[in-house]
Amino acid sequence: MFDFQDGNGPVPAKRHINPDGSEGGWIADTAKVAKTAEVSGYAQVYGDAKVSGNAWVSGNAWVYGNARVYGNALVDGDASVSGNAWVYGDALVFGNAKVDGDTNKQGLNNETTN
């Protein structure tokens, strides 16, 4: 059980095992993270979010809602990807950037999108 601080209280979750065998961030049982993806640090993936391919979610980053992060995309720092947003390809989302709503970004660099 883990509390993602989203108002739902503690929910079933587990730590992601990264491709190198290291223990990664928290993944809600409702979310999906591919074995090829990296979720490290204090990163969190929850809701119906999906992280796949060689994507990285690291630092204190959050991926949640129905968000998708895939390909070689990187979400790092205090960044978040939420709602129905897709971040893919070689996109970089870092710092305090937020990608949300129905946004689809490929090749994003430290941009805030609402």
PDB file of N, CA and C in Angstrom:
ATOM      1  N   MET A   1       0.843  -1.179   0.000  1.00  0.00           N
ATOM      2  CA  MET A   1       0.000   0.000   0.000  1.00  0.00           C
ATOM      3  C   MET A   1       0.894   1.250   0.000  1.00  0.00           C
ATOM      4  N   PHE A   2       0.439   2.270  -0.735  1.00  0.00           N
ATOM      5  CA  PHE A   2       1.176   3.523  -0.792  1.00  0.00           C
ATOM      6  C   PHE A   2       0.174   4.657  -0.977  1.00  0.00           C
ATOM      7  N   ASP A   3       0.417   5.777  -0.327  1.00  0.00           N
ATOM      8  CA  ASP A   3      -0.440   6.944  -0.463  1.00  0.00           C
ATOM      9  C   ASP A   3       0.205   7.918  -1.446  1.00  0.00           C
ATOM     10  N   PHE A   4      -0.406   8.081  -2.614  1.00  0.00           N
ATOM     11  CA  PHE A   4       0.117   8.963  -3.648  1.00  0.00           C
ATOM     12  C   PHE A   4      -0.272  10.424  -3.411  1.00  0.00           C
ATOM     13  N   GLN A   5      -0.894  10.712  -2.279  1.00  0.00           N
ATOM     14  CA  GLN A   5      -1.295  12.071  -1.901  1.00  0.00           C
ATOM     15  C   GLN A   5      -2.234  12.704  -2.931  1.00  0.00           C
ATOM     16  N   ASP A   6      -3.098  11.861  -3.530  1.00  0.00           N
ATOM     17  CA  ASP A   6      -4.051  12.346  -4.525  1.00  0.00           C
ATOM     18  C   ASP A   6      -5.481  12.383  -3.997  1.00  0.00           C
ATOM     19  N   GLY A   7      -5.631  12.202  -2.697  1.00  0.00           N
ATOM     20  CA  GLY A   7      -6.947  12.229  -2.086  1.00  0.00           C
ATOM     21  C   GLY A   7      -7.620  10.869  -1.984  1.00  0.00           C
ATOM     22  N   ASN A   8      -6.998   9.834  -2.525  1.00  0.00           N
ATOM     23  CA  ASN A   8      -7.574   8.485  -2.476  1.00  0.00           C
ATOM     24  C   ASN A   8      -7.042   7.655  -1.315  1.00  0.00           C
ATOM     25  N   GLY A   9      -6.137   8.215  -0.521  1.00  0.00           N
ATOM     26  CA  GLY A   9      -5.550   7.460   0.589  1.00  0.00           C
ATOM     27  C   GLY A   9      -4.634   6.366   0.075  1.00  0.00           C
ATOM     28  N   PRO A  10      -4.187   5.484   0.958  1.00  0.00           N
ATOM     29  CA  PRO A  10      -3.304   4.389   0.537  1.00  0.00           C
ATOM     30  C   PRO A  10      -4.014   3.441  -0.438  1.00  0.00           C
ATOM     31  N   VAL A  11      -3.324   3.100  -1.507  1.00  0.00           N
ATOM     32  CA  VAL A  11      -3.852   2.156  -2.506  1.00  0.00           C
ATOM     33  C   VAL A  11      -2.817   1.059  -2.740  1.00  0.00           C
ATOM     34  N   PRO A  12      -3.243  -0.091  -3.276  1.00  0.00           N
ATOM     35  CA  PRO A  12      -2.277  -1.148  -3.583  1.00  0.00           C
ATOM     36  C   PRO A  12      -1.224  -0.646  -4.567  1.00  0.00           C
ATOM     37  N   ALA A  13       0.034  -0.857  -4.214  1.00  0.00           N
ATOM     38  CA  ALA A  13       1.143  -0.379  -5.044  1.00  0.00           C
ATOM     39  C   ALA A  13       2.394  -1.183  -4.720  1.00  0.00           C
ATOM     40  N   LYS A  14       3.382  -1.052  -5.578  1.00  0.00           N
ATOM     41  CA  LYS A  14       4.664  -1.730  -5.345  1.00  0.00           C
ATOM     42  C   LYS A  14       5.786  -0.888  -5.936  1.00  0.00           C
ATOM     43  N   ARG A  15       6.993  -1.218  -5.554  1.00  0.00           N
ATOM     44  CA  ARG A  15       8.167  -0.559  -6.125  1.00  0.00           C
ATOM     45  C   ARG A  15       8.479  -1.204  -7.461  1.00  0.00           C
ATOM     46  N   HIS A  16       8.839  -0.377  -8.432  1.00  0.00           N
ATOM     47  CA  HIS A  16       9.217  -0.874  -9.754  1.00  0.00           C
ATOM     48  C   HIS A  16      10.623  -1.466  -9.695  1.00  0.00           C
ATOM     49  N   ILE A  17      10.815  -2.565 -10.370  1.00  0.00           N
ATOM     50  CA  ILE A  17      12.157  -3.128 -10.525  1.00  0.00           C
ATOM     51  C   ILE A  17      12.659  -2.697 -11.897  1.00  0.00           C
ATOM     52  N   ASN A  18      13.718  -1.900 -11.905  1.00  0.00           N
ATOM     53  CA  ASN A  18      14.268  -1.345 -13.136  1.00  0.00           C
ATOM     54  C   ASN A  18      15.004  -2.401 -13.949  1.00  0.00           C
ATOM     55  N   PRO A  19      15.272  -2.110 -15.230  1.00  0.00           N
ATOM     56  CA  PRO A  19      15.951  -3.083 -16.083  1.00  0.00           C
ATOM     57  C   PRO A  19      17.298  -3.566 -15.528  1.00  0.00           C
ATOM     58  N   ASP A  20      17.983  -2.723 -14.738  1.00  0.00           N
ATOM     59  CA  ASP A  20      19.267  -3.139 -14.168  1.00  0.00           C
ATOM     60  C   ASP A  20      19.088  -3.916 -12.859  1.00  0.00           C
ATOM     61  N   GLY A  21      17.850  -4.161 -12.453  1.00  0.00           N
ATOM     62  CA  GLY A  21      17.567  -4.923 -11.236  1.00  0.00           C
ATOM     63  C   GLY A  21      17.420  -4.064  -9.990  1.00  0.00           C
ATOM     64  N   SER A  22      17.660  -2.767 -10.098  1.00  0.00           N
ATOM     65  CA  SER A  22      17.545  -1.894  -8.934  1.00  0.00           C
ATOM     66  C   SER A  22      16.075  -1.613  -8.606  1.00  0.00           C
ATOM     67  N   GLU A  23      15.824  -1.327  -7.325  1.00  0.00           N
ATOM     68  CA  GLU A  23      14.479  -0.984  -6.897  1.00  0.00           C
ATOM     69  C   GLU A  23      14.195   0.464  -7.270  1.00  0.00           C
ATOM     70  N   GLY A  24      13.055   0.684  -7.899  1.00  0.00           N
ATOM     71  CA  GLY A  24      12.718   2.013  -8.377  1.00  0.00           C
ATOM     72  C   GLY A  24      11.622   2.671  -7.576  1.00  0.00           C
ATOM     73  N   GLY A  25      10.929   3.612  -8.230  1.00  0.00           N
ATOM     74  CA  GLY A  25       9.861   4.378  -7.608  1.00  0.00           C
ATOM     75  C   GLY A  25       8.592   3.563  -7.437  1.00  0.00           C
ATOM     76  N   TRP A  26       7.542   4.239  -6.962  1.00  0.00           N
ATOM     77  CA  TRP A  26       6.272   3.592  -6.646  1.00  0.00           C
ATOM     78  C   TRP A  26       5.343   3.546  -7.853  1.00  0.00           C
ATOM     79  N   ILE A  27       4.712   2.376  -8.043  1.00  0.00           N
ATOM     80  CA  ILE A  27       3.770   2.149  -9.122  1.00  0.00           C
ATOM     81  C   ILE A  27       2.476   1.616  -8.517  1.00  0.00           C
ATOM     82  N   ALA A  28       1.362   2.317  -8.754  1.00  0.00           N
ATOM     83  CA  ALA A  28       0.060   1.820  -8.301  1.00  0.00           C
ATOM     84  C   ALA A  28      -0.289   0.562  -9.093  1.00  0.00           C
ATOM     85  N   ASP A  29      -1.013  -0.345  -8.467  1.00  0.00           N
ATOM     86  CA  ASP A  29      -1.420  -1.566  -9.160  1.00  0.00           C
ATOM     87  C   ASP A  29      -2.311  -1.285 -10.365  1.00  0.00           C
ATOM     88  N   THR A  30      -2.945  -0.118 -10.400  1.00  0.00           N
ATOM     89  CA  THR A  30      -3.803   0.254 -11.530  1.00  0.00           C
ATOM     90  C   THR A  30      -3.010   0.786 -12.716  1.00  0.00           C
ATOM     91  N   ALA A  31      -1.768   1.187 -12.493  1.00  0.00           N
ATOM     92  CA  ALA A  31      -0.907   1.724 -13.554  1.00  0.00           C
ATOM     93  C   ALA A  31      -0.091   0.589 -14.175  1.00  0.00           C
ATOM     94  N   LYS A  32       0.460   0.854 -15.348  1.00  0.00           N
ATOM     95  CA  LYS A  32       1.281  -0.149 -16.027  1.00  0.00           C
ATOM     96  C   LYS A  32       2.627   0.455 -16.392  1.00  0.00           C
ATOM     97  N   VAL A  33       3.697  -0.246 -16.032  1.00  0.00           N
ATOM     98  CA  VAL A  33       5.052   0.171 -16.385  1.00  0.00           C
ATOM     99  C   VAL A  33       5.760  -1.038 -16.990  1.00  0.00           C
ATOM    100  N   ALA A  34       6.286  -0.866 -18.197  1.00  0.00           N
ATOM    101  CA  ALA A  34       6.986  -1.950 -18.883  1.00  0.00           C
ATOM    102  C   ALA A  34       8.280  -2.301 -18.158  1.00  0.00           C
ATOM    103  N   LYS A  35       8.691  -3.546 -18.284  1.00  0.00           N
ATOM    104  CA  LYS A  35       9.954  -3.997 -17.688  1.00  0.00           C
ATOM    105  C   LYS A  35      11.147  -3.278 -18.292  1.00  0.00           C
ATOM    106  N   THR A  36      10.986  -2.744 -19.500  1.00  0.00           N
ATOM    107  CA  THR A  36      12.074  -2.044 -20.185  1.00  0.00           C
ATOM    108  C   THR A  36      12.193  -0.583 -19.758  1.00  0.00           C
ATOM    109  N   ALA A  37      11.194  -0.079 -19.046  1.00  0.00           N
ATOM    110  CA  ALA A  37      11.180   1.324 -18.611  1.00  0.00           C
ATOM    111  C   ALA A  37      11.871   1.479 -17.265  1.00  0.00           C
ATOM    112  N   GLU A  38      12.394   2.672 -17.021  1.00  0.00           N
ATOM    113  CA  GLU A  38      13.081   3.009 -15.770  1.00  0.00           C
ATOM    114  C   GLU A  38      12.198   3.956 -14.965  1.00  0.00           C
ATOM    115  N   VAL A  39      11.931   3.617 -13.722  1.00  0.00           N
ATOM    116  CA  VAL A  39      11.236   4.511 -12.787  1.00  0.00           C
ATOM    117  C   VAL A  39      12.118   4.552 -11.551  1.00  0.00           C
ATOM    118  N   SER A  40      12.804   5.656 -11.340  1.00  0.00           N
ATOM    119  CA  SER A  40      13.807   5.688 -10.278  1.00  0.00           C
ATOM    120  C   SER A  40      13.582   6.849  -9.321  1.00  0.00           C
ATOM    121  N   GLY A  41      14.374   6.866  -8.270  1.00  0.00           N
ATOM    122  CA  GLY A  41      14.278   7.916  -7.272  1.00  0.00           C
ATOM    123  C   GLY A  41      12.951   7.843  -6.540  1.00  0.00           C
ATOM    124  N   TYR A  42      12.323   8.998  -6.378  1.00  0.00           N
ATOM    125  CA  TYR A  42      11.033   9.077  -5.696  1.00  0.00           C
ATOM    126  C   TYR A  42       9.887   9.203  -6.695  1.00  0.00           C
ATOM    127  N   ALA A  43      10.144   8.878  -7.936  1.00  0.00           N
ATOM    128  CA  ALA A  43       9.133   8.995  -8.982  1.00  0.00           C
ATOM    129  C   ALA A  43       7.925   8.107  -8.680  1.00  0.00           C
ATOM    130  N   GLN A  44       6.757   8.549  -9.173  1.00  0.00           N
ATOM    131  CA  GLN A  44       5.511   7.839  -8.926  1.00  0.00           C
ATOM    132  C   GLN A  44       4.692   7.749 -10.210  1.00  0.00           C
ATOM    133  N   VAL A  45       4.098   6.573 -10.424  1.00  0.00           N
ATOM    134  CA  VAL A  45       3.206   6.347 -11.557  1.00  0.00           C
ATOM    135  C   VAL A  45       1.928   5.756 -10.976  1.00  0.00           C
ATOM    136  N   TYR A  46       0.795   6.433 -11.217  1.00  0.00           N
ATOM    137  CA  TYR A  46      -0.443   5.951 -10.609  1.00  0.00           C
ATOM    138  C   TYR A  46      -1.656   6.316 -11.449  1.00  0.00           C
ATOM    139  N   GLY A  47      -2.827   5.935 -10.962  1.00  0.00           N
ATOM    140  CA  GLY A  47      -4.037   6.070 -11.759  1.00  0.00           C
ATOM    141  C   GLY A  47      -4.009   5.019 -12.851  1.00  0.00           C
ATOM    142  N   ASP A  48      -4.411   5.395 -14.047  1.00  0.00           N
ATOM    143  CA  ASP A  48      -4.379   4.483 -15.191  1.00  0.00           C
ATOM    144  C   ASP A  48      -3.216   4.799 -16.126  1.00  0.00           C
ATOM    145  N   ALA A  49      -2.194   5.456 -15.612  1.00  0.00           N
ATOM    146  CA  ALA A  49      -1.042   5.865 -16.411  1.00  0.00           C
ATOM    147  C   ALA A  49      -0.269   4.654 -16.928  1.00  0.00           C
ATOM    148  N   LYS A  50       0.421   4.869 -18.073  1.00  0.00           N
ATOM    149  CA  LYS A  50       1.261   3.819 -18.661  1.00  0.00           C
ATOM    150  C   LYS A  50       2.611   4.408 -19.041  1.00  0.00           C
ATOM    151  N   VAL A  51       3.663   3.684 -18.700  1.00  0.00           N
ATOM    152  CA  VAL A  51       5.032   4.047 -19.072  1.00  0.00           C
ATOM    153  C   VAL A  51       5.602   2.837 -19.800  1.00  0.00           C
ATOM    154  N   SER A  52       6.089   3.033 -21.028  1.00  0.00           N
ATOM    155  CA  SER A  52       6.555   1.885 -21.800  1.00  0.00           C
ATOM    156  C   SER A  52       7.761   2.240 -22.656  1.00  0.00           C
ATOM    157  N   GLY A  53       8.228   1.248 -23.386  1.00  0.00           N
ATOM    158  CA  GLY A  53       9.421   1.424 -24.205  1.00  0.00           C
ATOM    159  C   GLY A  53      10.636   1.608 -23.320  1.00  0.00           C
ATOM    160  N   ASN A  54      11.525   2.507 -23.718  1.00  0.00           N
ATOM    161  CA  ASN A  54      12.734   2.804 -22.940  1.00  0.00           C
ATOM    162  C   ASN A  54      12.576   4.100 -22.151  1.00  0.00           C
ATOM    163  N   ALA A  55      11.342   4.486 -21.867  1.00  0.00           N
ATOM    164  CA  ALA A  55      11.074   5.740 -21.168  1.00  0.00           C
ATOM    165  C   ALA A  55      11.658   5.730 -19.763  1.00  0.00           C
ATOM    166  N   TRP A  56      11.994   6.925 -19.285  1.00  0.00           N
ATOM    167  CA  TRP A  56      12.527   7.129 -17.931  1.00  0.00           C
ATOM    168  C   TRP A  56      11.626   8.100 -17.185  1.00  0.00           C
ATOM    169  N   VAL A  57      11.284   7.748 -15.955  1.00  0.00           N
ATOM    170  CA  VAL A  57      10.597   8.650 -15.039  1.00  0.00           C
ATOM    171  C   VAL A  57      11.467   8.666 -13.792  1.00  0.00           C
ATOM    172  N   SER A  58      12.006   9.819 -13.428  1.00  0.00           N
ATOM    173  CA  SER A  58      12.983   9.847 -12.352  1.00  0.00           C
ATOM    174  C   SER A  58      12.864  11.106 -11.507  1.00  0.00           C
ATOM    175  N   GLY A  59      13.691  11.177 -10.481  1.00  0.00           N
ATOM    176  CA  GLY A  59      13.642  12.303  -9.559  1.00  0.00           C
ATOM    177  C   GLY A  59      12.384  12.229  -8.720  1.00  0.00           C
ATOM    178  N   ASN A  60      11.654  13.336  -8.655  1.00  0.00           N
ATOM    179  CA  ASN A  60      10.378  13.397  -7.936  1.00  0.00           C
ATOM    180  C   ASN A  60       9.208  13.470  -8.910  1.00  0.00           C
ATOM    181  N   ALA A  61       9.409  13.022 -10.139  1.00  0.00           N
ATOM    182  CA  ALA A  61       8.404  13.156 -11.194  1.00  0.00           C
ATOM    183  C   ALA A  61       7.170  12.297 -10.921  1.00  0.00           C
ATOM    184  N   TRP A  62       6.032  12.763 -11.437  1.00  0.00           N
ATOM    185  CA  TRP A  62       4.758  12.062 -11.322  1.00  0.00           C
ATOM    186  C   TRP A  62       4.185  11.856 -12.710  1.00  0.00           C
ATOM    187  N   VAL A  63       3.676  10.659 -12.957  1.00  0.00           N
ATOM    188  CA  VAL A  63       2.900  10.354 -14.162  1.00  0.00           C
ATOM    189  C   VAL A  63       1.605   9.738 -13.659  1.00  0.00           C
ATOM    190  N   TYR A  64       0.469  10.371 -13.998  1.00  0.00           N
ATOM    191  CA  TYR A  64      -0.788   9.879 -13.426  1.00  0.00           C
ATOM    192  C   TYR A  64      -1.980  10.227 -14.301  1.00  0.00           C
ATOM    193  N   GLY A  65      -3.150   9.796 -13.859  1.00  0.00           N
ATOM    194  CA  GLY A  65      -4.357   9.945 -14.672  1.00  0.00           C
ATOM    195  C   GLY A  65      -4.321   8.908 -15.771  1.00  0.00           C
ATOM    196  N   ASN A  66      -4.624   9.322 -16.991  1.00  0.00           N
ATOM    197  CA  ASN A  66      -4.548   8.435 -18.151  1.00  0.00           C
ATOM    198  C   ASN A  66      -3.320   8.744 -18.997  1.00  0.00           C
ATOM    199  N   ALA A  67      -2.327   9.373 -18.409  1.00  0.00           N
ATOM    200  CA  ALA A  67      -1.134   9.810 -19.133  1.00  0.00           C
ATOM    201  C   ALA A  67      -0.355   8.625 -19.698  1.00  0.00           C
ATOM    202  N   ARG A  68       0.355   8.895 -20.793  1.00  0.00           N
ATOM    203  CA  ARG A  68       1.218   7.906 -21.442  1.00  0.00           C
ATOM    204  C   ARG A  68       2.595   8.529 -21.636  1.00  0.00           C
ATOM    205  N   VAL A  69       3.630   7.784 -21.242  1.00  0.00           N
ATOM    206  CA  VAL A  69       5.015   8.185 -21.482  1.00  0.00           C
ATOM    207  C   VAL A  69       5.677   6.984 -22.135  1.00  0.00           C
ATOM    208  N   TYR A  70       6.224   7.185 -23.345  1.00  0.00           N
ATOM    209  CA  TYR A  70       6.782   6.025 -24.037  1.00  0.00           C
ATOM    210  C   TYR A  70       7.862   6.440 -25.024  1.00  0.00           C
ATOM    211  N   GLY A  71       8.421   5.417 -25.678  1.00  0.00           N
ATOM    212  CA  GLY A  71       9.556   5.653 -26.558  1.00  0.00           C
ATOM    213  C   GLY A  71      10.793   5.877 -25.717  1.00  0.00           C
ATOM    214  N   ASN A  72      11.557   6.912 -26.041  1.00  0.00           N
ATOM    215  CA  ASN A  72      12.755   7.260 -25.267  1.00  0.00           C
ATOM    216  C   ASN A  72      12.525   8.510 -24.424  1.00  0.00           C
ATOM    217  N   ALA A  73      11.289   8.821 -24.132  1.00  0.00           N
ATOM    218  CA  ALA A  73      10.948  10.040 -23.389  1.00  0.00           C
ATOM    219  C   ALA A  73      11.510  10.001 -21.974  1.00  0.00           C
ATOM    220  N   LEU A  74      11.817  11.195 -21.452  1.00  0.00           N
ATOM    221  CA  LEU A  74      12.325  11.357 -20.089  1.00  0.00           C
ATOM    222  C   LEU A  74      11.456  12.367 -19.356  1.00  0.00           C
ATOM    223  N   VAL A  75      10.982  11.987 -18.169  1.00  0.00           N
ATOM    224  CA  VAL A  75      10.260  12.884 -17.265  1.00  0.00           C
ATOM    225  C   VAL A  75      11.074  12.895 -15.986  1.00  0.00           C
ATOM    226  N   ASP A  76      11.582  14.075 -15.582  1.00  0.00           N
ATOM    227  CA  ASP A  76      12.557  14.131 -14.490  1.00  0.00           C
ATOM    228  C   ASP A  76      12.320  15.360 -13.625  1.00  0.00           C
ATOM    229  N   GLY A  77      12.990  15.366 -12.487  1.00  0.00           N
ATOM    230  CA  GLY A  77      12.902  16.497 -11.571  1.00  0.00           C
ATOM    231  C   GLY A  77      11.558  16.497 -10.860  1.00  0.00           C
ATOM    232  N   ASP A  78      10.923  17.658 -10.798  1.00  0.00           N
ATOM    233  CA  ASP A  78       9.602  17.798 -10.181  1.00  0.00           C
ATOM    234  C   ASP A  78       8.515  17.890 -11.245  1.00  0.00           C
ATOM    235  N   ALA A  79       8.797  17.381 -12.441  1.00  0.00           N
ATOM    236  CA  ALA A  79       7.860  17.451 -13.560  1.00  0.00           C
ATOM    237  C   ALA A  79       6.705  16.479 -13.365  1.00  0.00           C
ATOM    238  N   SER A  80       5.588  16.781 -14.056  1.00  0.00           N
ATOM    239  CA  SER A  80       4.456  15.866 -14.025  1.00  0.00           C
ATOM    240  C   SER A  80       3.817  15.769 -15.406  1.00  0.00           C
ATOM    241  N   VAL A  81       3.286  14.590 -15.686  1.00  0.00           N
ATOM    242  CA  VAL A  81       2.518  14.322 -16.897  1.00  0.00           C
ATOM    243  C   VAL A  81       1.205  13.731 -16.408  1.00  0.00           C
ATOM    244  N   SER A  82       0.083  14.360 -16.778  1.00  0.00           N
ATOM    245  CA  SER A  82      -1.195  13.929 -16.214  1.00  0.00           C
ATOM    246  C   SER A  82      -2.334  14.086 -17.209  1.00  0.00           C
ATOM    247  N   GLY A  83      -3.536  13.770 -16.743  1.00  0.00           N
ATOM    248  CA  GLY A  83      -4.710  13.842 -17.602  1.00  0.00           C
ATOM    249  C   GLY A  83      -4.613  12.808 -18.702  1.00  0.00           C
ATOM    250  N   ASN A  84      -4.904  13.218 -19.923  1.00  0.00           N
ATOM    251  CA  ASN A  84      -4.798  12.337 -21.086  1.00  0.00           C
ATOM    252  C   ASN A  84      -3.560  12.645 -21.911  1.00  0.00           C
ATOM    253  N   ALA A  85      -2.583  13.305 -21.310  1.00  0.00           N
ATOM    254  CA  ALA A  85      -1.379  13.733 -22.030  1.00  0.00           C
ATOM    255  C   ALA A  85      -0.521  12.545 -22.445  1.00  0.00           C
ATOM    256  N   TRP A  86       0.125  12.690 -23.594  1.00  0.00           N
ATOM    257  CA  TRP A  86       1.096  11.726 -24.099  1.00  0.00           C
ATOM    258  C   TRP A  86       2.418  12.449 -24.281  1.00  0.00           C
ATOM    259  N   VAL A  87       3.495  11.839 -23.791  1.00  0.00           N
ATOM    260  CA  VAL A  87       4.853  12.335 -23.992  1.00  0.00           C
ATOM    261  C   VAL A  87       5.623  11.161 -24.581  1.00  0.00           C
ATOM    262  N   TYR A  88       6.246  11.372 -25.741  1.00  0.00           N
ATOM    263  CA  TYR A  88       6.826  10.222 -26.431  1.00  0.00           C
ATOM    264  C   TYR A  88       7.986  10.640 -27.327  1.00  0.00           C
ATOM    265  N   GLY A  89       8.548   9.617 -27.984  1.00  0.00           N
ATOM    266  CA  GLY A  89       9.713   9.864 -28.832  1.00  0.00           C
ATOM    267  C   GLY A  89      10.904  10.196 -27.963  1.00  0.00           C
ATOM    268  N   ASP A  90      11.622  11.248 -28.314  1.00  0.00           N
ATOM    269  CA  ASP A  90      12.791  11.691 -27.554  1.00  0.00           C
ATOM    270  C   ASP A  90      12.458  12.900 -26.684  1.00  0.00           C
ATOM    271  N   ALA A  91      11.212  13.028 -26.293  1.00  0.00           N
ATOM    272  CA  ALA A  91      10.767  14.186 -25.509  1.00  0.00           C
ATOM    273  C   ALA A  91      11.444  14.233 -24.147  1.00  0.00           C
ATOM    274  N   LEU A  92      11.719  15.462 -23.693  1.00  0.00           N
ATOM    275  CA  LEU A  92      12.287  15.704 -22.366  1.00  0.00           C
ATOM    276  C   LEU A  92      11.337  16.624 -21.612  1.00  0.00           C
ATOM    277  N   VAL A  93      10.905  16.198 -20.437  1.00  0.00           N
ATOM    278  CA  VAL A  93      10.063  17.016 -19.567  1.00  0.00           C
ATOM    279  C   VAL A  93      10.777  17.036 -18.232  1.00  0.00           C
ATOM    280  N   PHE A  94      11.230  18.221 -17.801  1.00  0.00           N
ATOM    281  CA  PHE A  94      12.041  18.250 -16.584  1.00  0.00           C
ATOM    282  C   PHE A  94      11.851  19.557 -15.840  1.00  0.00           C
ATOM    283  N   GLY A  95      12.538  19.676 -14.713  1.00  0.00           N
ATOM    284  CA  GLY A  95      12.361  20.851 -13.876  1.00  0.00           C
ATOM    285  C   GLY A  95      10.992  20.812 -13.231  1.00  0.00           C
ATOM    286  N   ASN A  96      10.269  21.913 -13.311  1.00  0.00           N
ATOM    287  CA  ASN A  96       8.914  21.996 -12.764  1.00  0.00           C
ATOM    288  C   ASN A  96       7.855  21.930 -13.863  1.00  0.00           C
ATOM    289  N   ALA A  97       8.214  21.420 -15.018  1.00  0.00           N
ATOM    290  CA  ALA A  97       7.299  21.386 -16.160  1.00  0.00           C
ATOM    291  C   ALA A  97       6.086  20.517 -15.875  1.00  0.00           C
ATOM    292  N   LYS A  98       4.949  20.923 -16.468  1.00  0.00           N
ATOM    293  CA  LYS A  98       3.716  20.168 -16.340  1.00  0.00           C
ATOM    294  C   LYS A  98       3.119  19.990 -17.733  1.00  0.00           C
ATOM    295  N   VAL A  99       2.800  18.750 -18.057  1.00  0.00           N
ATOM    296  CA  VAL A  99       2.116  18.436 -19.305  1.00  0.00           C
ATOM    297  C   VAL A  99       0.822  17.762 -18.887  1.00  0.00           C
ATOM    298  N   ASP A 100      -0.316  18.363 -19.270  1.00  0.00           N
ATOM    299  CA  ASP A 100      -1.573  17.808 -18.800  1.00  0.00           C
ATOM    300  C   ASP A 100      -2.682  17.977 -19.820  1.00  0.00           C
ATOM    301  N   GLY A 101      -3.876  17.604 -19.428  1.00  0.00           N
ATOM    302  CA  GLY A 101      -5.027  17.707 -20.317  1.00  0.00           C
ATOM    303  C   GLY A 101      -4.939  16.707 -21.448  1.00  0.00           C
ATOM    304  N   ASP A 102      -5.255  17.160 -22.655  1.00  0.00           N
ATOM    305  CA  ASP A 102      -5.229  16.305 -23.838  1.00  0.00           C
ATOM    306  C   ASP A 102      -4.003  16.584 -24.696  1.00  0.00           C
ATOM    307  N   THR A 103      -2.927  17.016 -24.079  1.00  0.00           N
ATOM    308  CA  THR A 103      -1.711  17.407 -24.784  1.00  0.00           C
ATOM    309  C   THR A 103      -0.917  16.187 -25.246  1.00  0.00           C
ATOM    310  N   ASN A 104      -0.402  16.254 -26.470  1.00  0.00           N
ATOM    311  CA  ASN A 104       0.510  15.235 -26.995  1.00  0.00           C
ATOM    312  C   ASN A 104       1.788  15.957 -27.388  1.00  0.00           C
ATOM    313  N   LYS A 105       2.905  15.556 -26.812  1.00  0.00           N
ATOM    314  CA  LYS A 105       4.173  16.230 -27.079  1.00  0.00           C
ATOM    315  C   LYS A 105       5.252  15.235 -27.479  1.00  0.00           C
ATOM    316  N   GLN A 106       5.925  15.577 -28.548  1.00  0.00           N
ATOM    317  CA  GLN A 106       7.104  14.830 -28.967  1.00  0.00           C
ATOM    318  C   GLN A 106       8.238  15.842 -29.037  1.00  0.00           C
ATOM    319  N   GLY A 107       9.361  15.549 -28.406  1.00  0.00           N
ATOM    320  CA  GLY A 107      10.485  16.450 -28.425  1.00  0.00           C
ATOM    321  C   GLY A 107      10.311  17.657 -27.529  1.00  0.00           C
ATOM    322  N   LEU A 108       9.495  17.557 -26.475  1.00  0.00           N
ATOM    323  CA  LEU A 108       9.239  18.653 -25.540  1.00  0.00           C
ATOM    324  C   LEU A 108      10.478  18.924 -24.693  1.00  0.00           C
ATOM    325  N   ASN A 109      10.833  20.191 -24.517  1.00  0.00           N
ATOM    326  CA  ASN A 109      11.980  20.569 -23.684  1.00  0.00           C
ATOM    327  C   ASN A 109      11.600  21.579 -22.649  1.00  0.00           C
ATOM    328  N   ASN A 110      11.440  21.144 -21.415  1.00  0.00           N
ATOM    329  CA  ASN A 110      11.211  22.022 -20.251  1.00  0.00           C
ATOM    330  C   ASN A 110      10.144  23.078 -20.519  1.00  0.00           C
ATOM    331  N   GLU A 111       9.031  22.658 -21.032  1.00  0.00           N
ATOM    332  CA  GLU A 111       7.928  23.566 -21.345  1.00  0.00           C
ATOM    333  C   GLU A 111       6.777  23.275 -20.402  1.00  0.00           C
ATOM    334  N   THR A 112       6.055  24.294 -19.997  1.00  0.00           N
ATOM    335  CA  THR A 112       4.868  24.105 -19.188  1.00  0.00           C
ATOM    336  C   THR A 112       3.657  24.213 -20.094  1.00  0.00           C
ATOM    337  N   THR A 113       2.821  23.186 -20.084  1.00  0.00           N
ATOM    338  CA  THR A 113       1.637  23.163 -20.924  1.00  0.00           C
ATOM    339  C   THR A 113       0.430  22.884 -20.052  1.00  0.00           C
ATOM    340  N   ASN A 114      -0.600  23.718 -20.158  1.00  0.00           N
ATOM    341  CA  ASN A 114      -1.848  23.518 -19.402  1.00  0.00           C
ATOM    342  C   ASN A 114      -3.009  23.416 -20.358  1.00  0.00           C
TER     343      ASN A 114
END
